[in-house]
Amino acid sequence: MTATLPTATTVAAPSAGRLLRDGAIAAVLAAVATAAVAAAGQAAGISLDVAGAPIPLAGFAVMTLVFAALGLLIAVALRRYAARPRTAWIRITVVLTALSFTPDLLADAAPATKALLMTTHLIAAALVIPAVARRLR
C-alpha cells in the first residue's frame, strides 16, 4: 500500500516579461505626467531655467524614461537575487527618490523651480514604484 502525500502548491512569481511590461507602461505614463506637470508649472509662471539654461519639456519625459529604465533593471535583479524583492524594491526606490532631490536642492535655480523639479520626481516615483512593486513577490 502506498500513500500519496499532498504537495504544497506555490504561487509562481510573475514573469519578468510582465514586470517589464507593467514597468514600461508606468514609465511612459510617468514621462507624460512629468512633462505635463512641468508644462503646467511653466504656464503658471514657474521658470524652468537651471543655471541660466532652460530645461526643455521633452527633457522631463526623457529623463523620466531613462531613470525608470534603470529602476526596471534594479527590479529585475531584485526579482532574481533578493529574498524579498518587493520589500527591497520599495526600500531602495524610496531612498533613491529622496536622493534624487539633492541635485535639485543644489541647483542654481529659483526656489519655485526647485520645488517643481522635486514635484516631478515625486510624481514619477508615485507612478512607477507601486506598478513595479505589484509585480514583485
C-alpha atoms as a PDB file:
ATOM      1  CA  MET A   1       0.000   0.000   0.000  1.00  0.00           C
ATOM      2  CA  THR A   2       1.330   3.382  -0.911  1.00  0.00           C
ATOM      3  CA  ALA A   3       0.342   6.718   0.437  1.00  0.00           C
ATOM      4  CA  THR A   4       0.352   9.910  -1.534  1.00  0.00           C
ATOM      5  CA  LEU A   5       1.216  12.997   0.409  1.00  0.00           C
ATOM      6  CA  PRO A   6      -0.357  16.243  -0.682  1.00  0.00           C
ATOM      7  CA  THR A   7       2.147  18.689  -2.031  1.00  0.00           C
ATOM      8  CA  ALA A   8       2.077  22.343  -1.227  1.00  0.00           C
ATOM      9  CA  THR A   9       1.137  24.495  -4.124  1.00  0.00           C
ATOM     10  CA  THR A  10       3.280  27.505  -4.647  1.00  0.00           C
ATOM     11  CA  VAL A  11       2.219  30.672  -6.293  1.00  0.00           C
ATOM     12  CA  ALA A  12       4.569  31.356  -9.124  1.00  0.00           C
ATOM     13  CA  ALA A  13       6.195  34.747  -9.190  1.00  0.00           C
ATOM     14  CA  PRO A  14       5.059  36.922 -12.061  1.00  0.00           C
ATOM     15  CA  SER A  15       7.235  36.605 -15.109  1.00  0.00           C
ATOM     16  CA  ALA A  16       9.996  39.059 -15.858  1.00  0.00           C
ATOM     17  CA  GLY A  17       8.140  39.934 -19.048  1.00  0.00           C
ATOM     18  CA  ARG A  18       5.067  41.067 -17.123  1.00  0.00           C
ATOM     19  CA  LEU A  19       7.271  43.002 -14.732  1.00  0.00           C
ATOM     20  CA  LEU A  20       8.984  44.784 -17.616  1.00  0.00           C
ATOM     21  CA  ARG A  21       5.714  45.375 -19.472  1.00  0.00           C
ATOM     22  CA  ASP A  22       3.942  46.890 -16.495  1.00  0.00           C
ATOM     23  CA  GLY A  23       7.053  48.853 -15.547  1.00  0.00           C
ATOM     24  CA  ALA A  24       7.380  50.213 -19.080  1.00  0.00           C
ATOM     25  CA  ILE A  25       3.719  51.266 -19.137  1.00  0.00           C
ATOM     26  CA  ALA A  26       4.167  53.028 -15.800  1.00  0.00           C
ATOM     27  CA  ALA A  27       7.365  54.668 -17.082  1.00  0.00           C
ATOM     28  CA  VAL A  28       5.606  56.062 -20.149  1.00  0.00           C
ATOM     29  CA  LEU A  29       2.719  57.334 -18.020  1.00  0.00           C
ATOM     30  CA  ALA A  30       5.224  58.905 -15.624  1.00  0.00           C
ATOM     31  CA  ALA A  31       7.109  60.532 -18.514  1.00  0.00           C
ATOM     32  CA  VAL A  32       3.906  62.072 -19.839  1.00  0.00           C
ATOM     33  CA  ALA A  33       2.878  63.159 -16.344  1.00  0.00           C
ATOM     34  CA  THR A  34       6.206  64.809 -15.508  1.00  0.00           C
ATOM     35  CA  ALA A  35       6.258  66.706 -18.791  1.00  0.00           C
ATOM     36  CA  ALA A  36       2.648  67.791 -18.237  1.00  0.00           C
ATOM     37  CA  VAL A  37       3.372  68.990 -14.702  1.00  0.00           C
ATOM     38  CA  ALA A  38       6.435  70.880 -15.930  1.00  0.00           C
ATOM     39  CA  ALA A  39       4.327  72.473 -18.689  1.00  0.00           C
ATOM     40  CA  ALA A  40       1.639  73.415 -16.166  1.00  0.00           C
ATOM     41  CA  GLY A  41       4.275  74.920 -13.883  1.00  0.00           C
ATOM     42  CA  GLN A  42       5.748  76.876 -16.757  1.00  0.00           C
ATOM     43  CA  ALA A  43       2.270  78.087 -17.767  1.00  0.00           C
ATOM     44  CA  ALA A  44       1.755  79.215 -14.150  1.00  0.00           C
ATOM     45  CA  GLY A  45       4.903  81.304 -14.385  1.00  0.00           C
ATOM     46  CA  ILE A  46       7.485  78.978 -12.834  1.00  0.00           C
ATOM     47  CA  SER A  47      10.782  79.211 -14.646  1.00  0.00           C
ATOM     48  CA  LEU A  48      12.345  76.026 -15.949  1.00  0.00           C
ATOM     49  CA  ASP A  49      15.783  77.664 -16.032  1.00  0.00           C
ATOM     50  CA  VAL A  50      18.637  75.994 -14.174  1.00  0.00           C
ATOM     51  CA  ALA A  51      21.962  77.844 -14.184  1.00  0.00           C
ATOM     52  CA  GLY A  52      20.524  80.213 -16.781  1.00  0.00           C
ATOM     53  CA  ALA A  53      19.590  77.471 -19.266  1.00  0.00           C
ATOM     54  CA  PRO A  54      16.007  76.319 -19.755  1.00  0.00           C
ATOM     55  CA  ILE A  55      15.117  72.667 -19.325  1.00  0.00           C
ATOM     56  CA  PRO A  56      13.096  71.624 -22.373  1.00  0.00           C
ATOM     57  CA  LEU A  57       9.757  69.974 -21.616  1.00  0.00           C
ATOM     58  CA  ALA A  58      10.841  66.887 -23.527  1.00  0.00           C
ATOM     59  CA  GLY A  59      13.814  66.674 -21.170  1.00  0.00           C
ATOM     60  CA  PHE A  60      11.450  65.848 -18.311  1.00  0.00           C
ATOM     61  CA  ALA A  61       9.978  62.940 -20.255  1.00  0.00           C
ATOM     62  CA  VAL A  62      13.321  61.643 -21.485  1.00  0.00           C
ATOM     63  CA  MET A  63      14.986  61.722 -18.081  1.00  0.00           C
ATOM     64  CA  THR A  64      11.958  60.045 -16.521  1.00  0.00           C
ATOM     65  CA  LEU A  65      12.195  57.226 -19.063  1.00  0.00           C
ATOM     66  CA  VAL A  66      15.954  56.849 -18.564  1.00  0.00           C
ATOM     67  CA  PHE A  67      15.741  56.593 -14.789  1.00  0.00           C
ATOM     68  CA  ALA A  68      12.654  54.382 -14.904  1.00  0.00           C
ATOM     69  CA  ALA A  69      14.581  52.014 -17.191  1.00  0.00           C
ATOM     70  CA  LEU A  70      17.424  51.921 -14.679  1.00  0.00           C
ATOM     71  CA  GLY A  71      14.870  51.207 -11.977  1.00  0.00           C
ATOM     72  CA  LEU A  72      13.480  48.324 -14.011  1.00  0.00           C
ATOM     73  CA  LEU A  73      16.961  46.843 -14.253  1.00  0.00           C
ATOM     74  CA  ILE A  74      17.188  47.040 -10.462  1.00  0.00           C
ATOM     75  CA  ALA A  75      13.771  45.359 -10.172  1.00  0.00           C
ATOM     76  CA  VAL A  76      14.780  42.511 -12.465  1.00  0.00           C
ATOM     77  CA  ALA A  77      17.948  41.952 -10.424  1.00  0.00           C
ATOM     78  CA  LEU A  78      15.976  42.036  -7.171  1.00  0.00           C
ATOM     79  CA  ARG A  79      13.434  39.597  -8.587  1.00  0.00           C
ATOM     80  CA  ARG A  80      16.233  37.153  -9.226  1.00  0.00           C
ATOM     81  CA  TYR A  81      18.537  37.663  -6.251  1.00  0.00           C
ATOM     82  CA  ALA A  82      16.614  39.181  -3.328  1.00  0.00           C
ATOM     83  CA  ALA A  83      14.869  37.024  -0.760  1.00  0.00           C
ATOM     84  CA  ARG A  84      12.071  39.608  -0.524  1.00  0.00           C
ATOM     85  CA  PRO A  85      12.220  41.571  -3.794  1.00  0.00           C
ATOM     86  CA  ARG A  86       9.115  43.703  -3.190  1.00  0.00           C
ATOM     87  CA  THR A  87      10.371  44.935   0.169  1.00  0.00           C
ATOM     88  CA  ALA A  88      13.851  45.547  -1.212  1.00  0.00           C
ATOM     89  CA  TRP A  89      12.402  47.387  -4.237  1.00  0.00           C
ATOM     90  CA  ILE A  90      10.313  49.723  -2.113  1.00  0.00           C
ATOM     91  CA  ARG A  91      13.156  50.490   0.274  1.00  0.00           C
ATOM     92  CA  ILE A  92      15.697  51.087  -2.468  1.00  0.00           C
ATOM     93  CA  THR A  93      13.419  53.241  -4.606  1.00  0.00           C
ATOM     94  CA  VAL A  94      12.246  55.382  -1.699  1.00  0.00           C
ATOM     95  CA  VAL A  95      15.876  56.072  -0.786  1.00  0.00           C
ATOM     96  CA  LEU A  96      16.781  56.788  -4.422  1.00  0.00           C
ATOM     97  CA  THR A  97      13.810  59.131  -4.752  1.00  0.00           C
ATOM     98  CA  ALA A  98      14.948  61.041  -1.667  1.00  0.00           C
ATOM     99  CA  LEU A  99      18.496  61.191  -3.028  1.00  0.00           C
ATOM    100  CA  SER A 100      17.178  62.492  -6.362  1.00  0.00           C
ATOM    101  CA  PHE A 101      16.270  65.737  -4.583  1.00  0.00           C
ATOM    102  CA  THR A 102      19.941  66.534  -3.929  1.00  0.00           C
ATOM    103  CA  PRO A 103      20.768  67.937  -7.394  1.00  0.00           C
ATOM    104  CA  ASP A 104      17.546  69.952  -7.327  1.00  0.00           C
ATOM    105  CA  LEU A 105      18.331  71.448  -3.947  1.00  0.00           C
ATOM    106  CA  LEU A 106      21.874  72.313  -5.057  1.00  0.00           C
ATOM    107  CA  ALA A 107      20.846  73.671  -8.468  1.00  0.00           C
ATOM    108  CA  ASP A 108      21.326  77.297  -9.403  1.00  0.00           C
ATOM    109  CA  ALA A 109      17.587  77.869  -9.759  1.00  0.00           C
ATOM    110  CA  ALA A 110      14.722  79.759  -8.192  1.00  0.00           C
ATOM    111  CA  PRO A 111      13.028  78.138  -5.189  1.00  0.00           C
ATOM    112  CA  ALA A 112       9.839  77.578  -7.202  1.00  0.00           C
ATOM    113  CA  THR A 113      11.848  75.850  -9.919  1.00  0.00           C
ATOM    114  CA  LYS A 114      13.478  73.583  -7.355  1.00  0.00           C
ATOM    115  CA  ALA A 115      10.075  72.729  -5.889  1.00  0.00           C
ATOM    116  CA  LEU A 116       8.695  71.956  -9.353  1.00  0.00           C
ATOM    117  CA  LEU A 117      11.644  69.694 -10.137  1.00  0.00           C
ATOM    118  CA  MET A 118      11.200  67.796  -6.869  1.00  0.00           C
ATOM    119  CA  THR A 119       7.472  67.506  -7.530  1.00  0.00           C
ATOM    120  CA  THR A 120       8.157  65.828 -10.863  1.00  0.00           C
ATOM    121  CA  HIS A 121      10.404  63.313  -9.073  1.00  0.00           C
ATOM    122  CA  LEU A 122       7.606  62.503  -6.640  1.00  0.00           C
ATOM    123  CA  ILE A 123       5.069  62.110  -9.441  1.00  0.00           C
ATOM    124  CA  ALA A 124       7.314  59.721 -11.359  1.00  0.00           C
ATOM    125  CA  ALA A 125       8.024  57.723  -8.202  1.00  0.00           C
ATOM    126  CA  ALA A 126       4.323  57.581  -7.296  1.00  0.00           C
ATOM    127  CA  LEU A 127       3.526  56.057 -10.676  1.00  0.00           C
ATOM    128  CA  VAL A 128       6.466  53.698 -11.190  1.00  0.00           C
ATOM    129  CA  ILE A 129       7.237  52.340  -7.711  1.00  0.00           C
ATOM    130  CA  PRO A 130       3.806  50.801  -6.982  1.00  0.00           C
ATOM    131  CA  ALA A 131       3.370  49.483 -10.533  1.00  0.00           C
ATOM    132  CA  VAL A 132       6.629  47.564 -10.307  1.00  0.00           C
ATOM    133  CA  ALA A 133       6.076  46.529  -6.673  1.00  0.00           C
ATOM    134  CA  ARG A 134       2.821  44.817  -7.659  1.00  0.00           C
ATOM    135  CA  ARG A 135       4.817  42.510  -9.952  1.00  0.00           C
ATOM    136  CA  LEU A 136       7.418  41.566  -7.356  1.00  0.00           C
ATOM    137  CA  ARG A 137       6.871  38.879  -4.727  1.00  0.00           C
END
